[in-house]
Amino acid sequence: MNKVKFYQNKNIKLNGVMYRPYLVGNLPKKFAFIYDENKDQDGIFQWFNYKGFTYIEKKDNIWSNL
């Protein structure tokens, strides 16, 4: 069974993984591509939609551009 916890800032913790919500107009630039050969960087290709938001895994890395 999946465990879900909702926070006041609309973050969701699903099975121990924190997800951050984005509106369609505010998605990160790395969203929806797997790999960019020109920039040699990985994109965001895993997400889910819930109640009008697109949830992407929240990274605590200070070098991440999310």
N, C-alpha and C. Protein backbone atom coordinates (compact mmCIF):
# COMPACT_ATOMS: atom_id res chain seq x y z
N MET A 1 0.84 -1.18 0.00
CA MET A 1 0.00 0.00 0.00
C MET A 1 0.89 1.25 0.00
N ASN A 2 0.53 2.24 -0.79
CA ASN A 2 1.29 3.48 -0.88
C ASN A 2 0.95 4.40 0.29
N LYS A 3 1.98 5.04 0.83
CA LYS A 3 1.78 6.02 1.89
C LYS A 3 1.94 7.42 1.30
N VAL A 4 0.94 8.27 1.56
CA VAL A 4 0.96 9.63 1.04
C VAL A 4 0.80 10.59 2.21
N LYS A 5 1.65 11.64 2.24
CA LYS A 5 1.52 12.68 3.24
C LYS A 5 1.50 14.03 2.51
N PHE A 6 0.52 14.85 2.86
CA PHE A 6 0.35 16.16 2.24
C PHE A 6 0.88 17.23 3.19
N TYR A 7 1.59 18.21 2.67
CA TYR A 7 2.14 19.31 3.45
C TYR A 7 1.42 20.61 3.09
N GLN A 8 1.52 21.63 3.95
CA GLN A 8 0.82 22.90 3.73
C GLN A 8 1.30 23.62 2.48
N ASN A 9 2.57 23.48 2.11
CA ASN A 9 3.10 24.15 0.92
C ASN A 9 2.83 23.35 -0.36
N LYS A 10 1.88 22.40 -0.30
CA LYS A 10 1.43 21.56 -1.41
C LYS A 10 2.43 20.50 -1.83
N ASN A 11 3.56 20.38 -1.12
CA ASN A 11 4.46 19.26 -1.37
C ASN A 11 3.77 17.98 -0.95
N ILE A 12 4.18 16.89 -1.59
CA ILE A 12 3.64 15.56 -1.28
C ILE A 12 4.81 14.63 -1.00
N LYS A 13 4.67 13.82 0.04
CA LYS A 13 5.64 12.77 0.30
C LYS A 13 4.95 11.45 -0.01
N LEU A 14 5.44 10.76 -1.03
CA LEU A 14 4.85 9.51 -1.50
C LEU A 14 5.88 8.40 -1.33
N ASN A 15 5.58 7.45 -0.46
CA ASN A 15 6.49 6.33 -0.18
C ASN A 15 7.89 6.80 0.20
N GLY A 16 7.98 7.86 0.98
CA GLY A 16 9.26 8.36 1.48
C GLY A 16 10.00 9.28 0.54
N VAL A 17 9.43 9.60 -0.61
CA VAL A 17 10.07 10.48 -1.59
C VAL A 17 9.27 11.78 -1.65
N MET A 18 9.96 12.92 -1.52
CA MET A 18 9.31 14.23 -1.53
C MET A 18 9.15 14.71 -2.98
N TYR A 19 7.95 15.21 -3.29
CA TYR A 19 7.64 15.74 -4.62
C TYR A 19 7.19 17.18 -4.48
N ARG A 20 7.61 18.00 -5.42
CA ARG A 20 7.28 19.43 -5.43
C ARG A 20 6.29 19.71 -6.56
N PRO A 21 5.26 20.54 -6.30
CA PRO A 21 4.27 20.82 -7.35
C PRO A 21 4.69 21.98 -8.26
N TYR A 22 4.30 21.88 -9.52
CA TYR A 22 4.53 22.93 -10.51
C TYR A 22 3.24 23.14 -11.29
N LEU A 23 2.95 24.38 -11.63
CA LEU A 23 1.88 24.66 -12.58
C LEU A 23 2.44 24.50 -13.99
N VAL A 24 1.57 24.35 -14.97
CA VAL A 24 2.02 24.09 -16.34
C VAL A 24 2.95 25.18 -16.85
N GLY A 25 2.68 26.43 -16.57
CA GLY A 25 3.52 27.53 -17.05
C GLY A 25 4.83 27.69 -16.31
N ASN A 26 5.02 26.99 -15.20
CA ASN A 26 6.23 27.15 -14.39
C ASN A 26 7.09 25.90 -14.34
N LEU A 27 6.93 25.00 -15.29
CA LEU A 27 7.74 23.78 -15.28
C LEU A 27 9.20 24.10 -15.56
N PRO A 28 10.13 23.34 -14.97
CA PRO A 28 11.56 23.58 -15.21
C PRO A 28 11.94 23.35 -16.67
N LYS A 29 13.02 23.96 -17.09
CA LYS A 29 13.48 23.83 -18.49
C LYS A 29 13.88 22.40 -18.83
N LYS A 30 14.28 21.63 -17.83
CA LYS A 30 14.72 20.26 -18.06
C LYS A 30 13.56 19.28 -18.13
N PHE A 31 12.33 19.77 -18.12
CA PHE A 31 11.15 18.91 -18.09
C PHE A 31 10.88 18.28 -19.45
N ALA A 32 10.52 17.01 -19.45
CA ALA A 32 10.00 16.26 -20.60
C ALA A 32 11.02 15.93 -21.68
N PHE A 33 12.28 15.85 -21.36
CA PHE A 33 13.21 15.23 -22.29
C PHE A 33 14.13 14.30 -21.51
N ILE A 34 14.60 13.27 -22.17
CA ILE A 34 15.40 12.25 -21.48
C ILE A 34 16.86 12.63 -21.45
N TYR A 35 17.41 13.06 -22.58
CA TYR A 35 18.84 13.39 -22.65
C TYR A 35 19.04 14.39 -23.76
N ASP A 36 19.82 15.43 -23.50
CA ASP A 36 20.15 16.44 -24.51
C ASP A 36 21.62 16.27 -24.88
N GLU A 37 21.88 15.80 -26.10
CA GLU A 37 23.25 15.54 -26.53
C GLU A 37 24.07 16.83 -26.65
N ASN A 38 23.42 17.92 -27.05
CA ASN A 38 24.14 19.18 -27.22
C ASN A 38 24.65 19.73 -25.89
N LYS A 39 23.87 19.62 -24.85
CA LYS A 39 24.25 20.17 -23.54
C LYS A 39 24.78 19.09 -22.59
N ASP A 40 24.75 17.83 -23.00
CA ASP A 40 25.23 16.71 -22.20
C ASP A 40 24.60 16.72 -20.81
N GLN A 41 23.26 16.79 -20.76
CA GLN A 41 22.56 16.78 -19.49
C GLN A 41 21.30 15.93 -19.58
N ASP A 42 20.95 15.37 -18.44
CA ASP A 42 19.73 14.57 -18.35
C ASP A 42 18.55 15.46 -18.07
N GLY A 43 17.41 15.06 -18.56
CA GLY A 43 16.18 15.82 -18.34
C GLY A 43 15.29 15.14 -17.32
N ILE A 44 14.14 15.72 -17.09
CA ILE A 44 13.15 15.17 -16.17
C ILE A 44 12.12 14.42 -17.01
N PHE A 45 12.05 13.11 -16.83
CA PHE A 45 11.13 12.32 -17.63
C PHE A 45 10.18 11.50 -16.76
N GLN A 46 10.23 11.70 -15.46
CA GLN A 46 9.30 11.02 -14.56
C GLN A 46 8.57 12.05 -13.73
N TRP A 47 7.24 12.01 -13.80
CA TRP A 47 6.41 12.94 -13.05
C TRP A 47 5.02 12.35 -12.94
N PHE A 48 4.17 13.00 -12.15
CA PHE A 48 2.76 12.63 -12.13
C PHE A 48 1.92 13.88 -11.91
N ASN A 49 0.68 13.83 -12.35
CA ASN A 49 -0.25 14.95 -12.22
C ASN A 49 -1.27 14.61 -11.14
N TYR A 50 -1.60 15.64 -10.34
CA TYR A 50 -2.60 15.47 -9.28
C TYR A 50 -3.20 16.83 -8.96
N LYS A 51 -4.51 16.94 -9.06
CA LYS A 51 -5.26 18.15 -8.73
C LYS A 51 -4.70 19.42 -9.38
N GLY A 52 -4.41 19.36 -10.65
CA GLY A 52 -3.98 20.54 -11.40
C GLY A 52 -2.51 20.87 -11.31
N PHE A 53 -1.73 20.10 -10.58
CA PHE A 53 -0.30 20.32 -10.47
C PHE A 53 0.45 19.17 -11.11
N THR A 54 1.65 19.45 -11.58
CA THR A 54 2.57 18.42 -12.05
C THR A 54 3.62 18.26 -10.97
N TYR A 55 3.73 17.08 -10.41
CA TYR A 55 4.66 16.82 -9.30
C TYR A 55 5.92 16.17 -9.83
N ILE A 56 7.06 16.76 -9.44
CA ILE A 56 8.38 16.28 -9.82
C ILE A 56 9.15 16.04 -8.54
N GLU A 57 9.96 14.98 -8.54
CA GLU A 57 10.75 14.66 -7.35
C GLU A 57 11.63 15.84 -6.95
N LYS A 58 11.59 16.19 -5.67
CA LYS A 58 12.35 17.32 -5.16
C LYS A 58 13.76 16.85 -4.84
N LYS A 59 14.73 17.50 -5.44
CA LYS A 59 16.14 17.20 -5.20
C LYS A 59 16.69 18.20 -4.20
N ASP A 60 17.44 17.73 -3.23
CA ASP A 60 18.03 18.61 -2.23
C ASP A 60 19.45 19.03 -2.59
N ASN A 61 19.85 18.78 -3.81
CA ASN A 61 21.17 19.14 -4.28
C ASN A 61 21.20 20.63 -4.62
N ILE A 62 22.14 21.38 -4.06
CA ILE A 62 22.20 22.81 -4.31
C ILE A 62 22.63 23.11 -5.75
N TRP A 63 23.21 22.16 -6.45
CA TRP A 63 23.67 22.38 -7.81
C TRP A 63 22.59 22.05 -8.84
N SER A 64 21.49 21.51 -8.39
CA SER A 64 20.39 21.17 -9.28
C SER A 64 19.64 22.45 -9.66
N ASN A 65 19.29 22.59 -10.92
CA ASN A 65 18.58 23.79 -11.40
C ASN A 65 17.08 23.57 -11.49
N LEU A 66 16.49 23.04 -10.46
CA LEU A 66 15.03 22.84 -10.49
C LEU A 66 14.32 24.00 -9.90
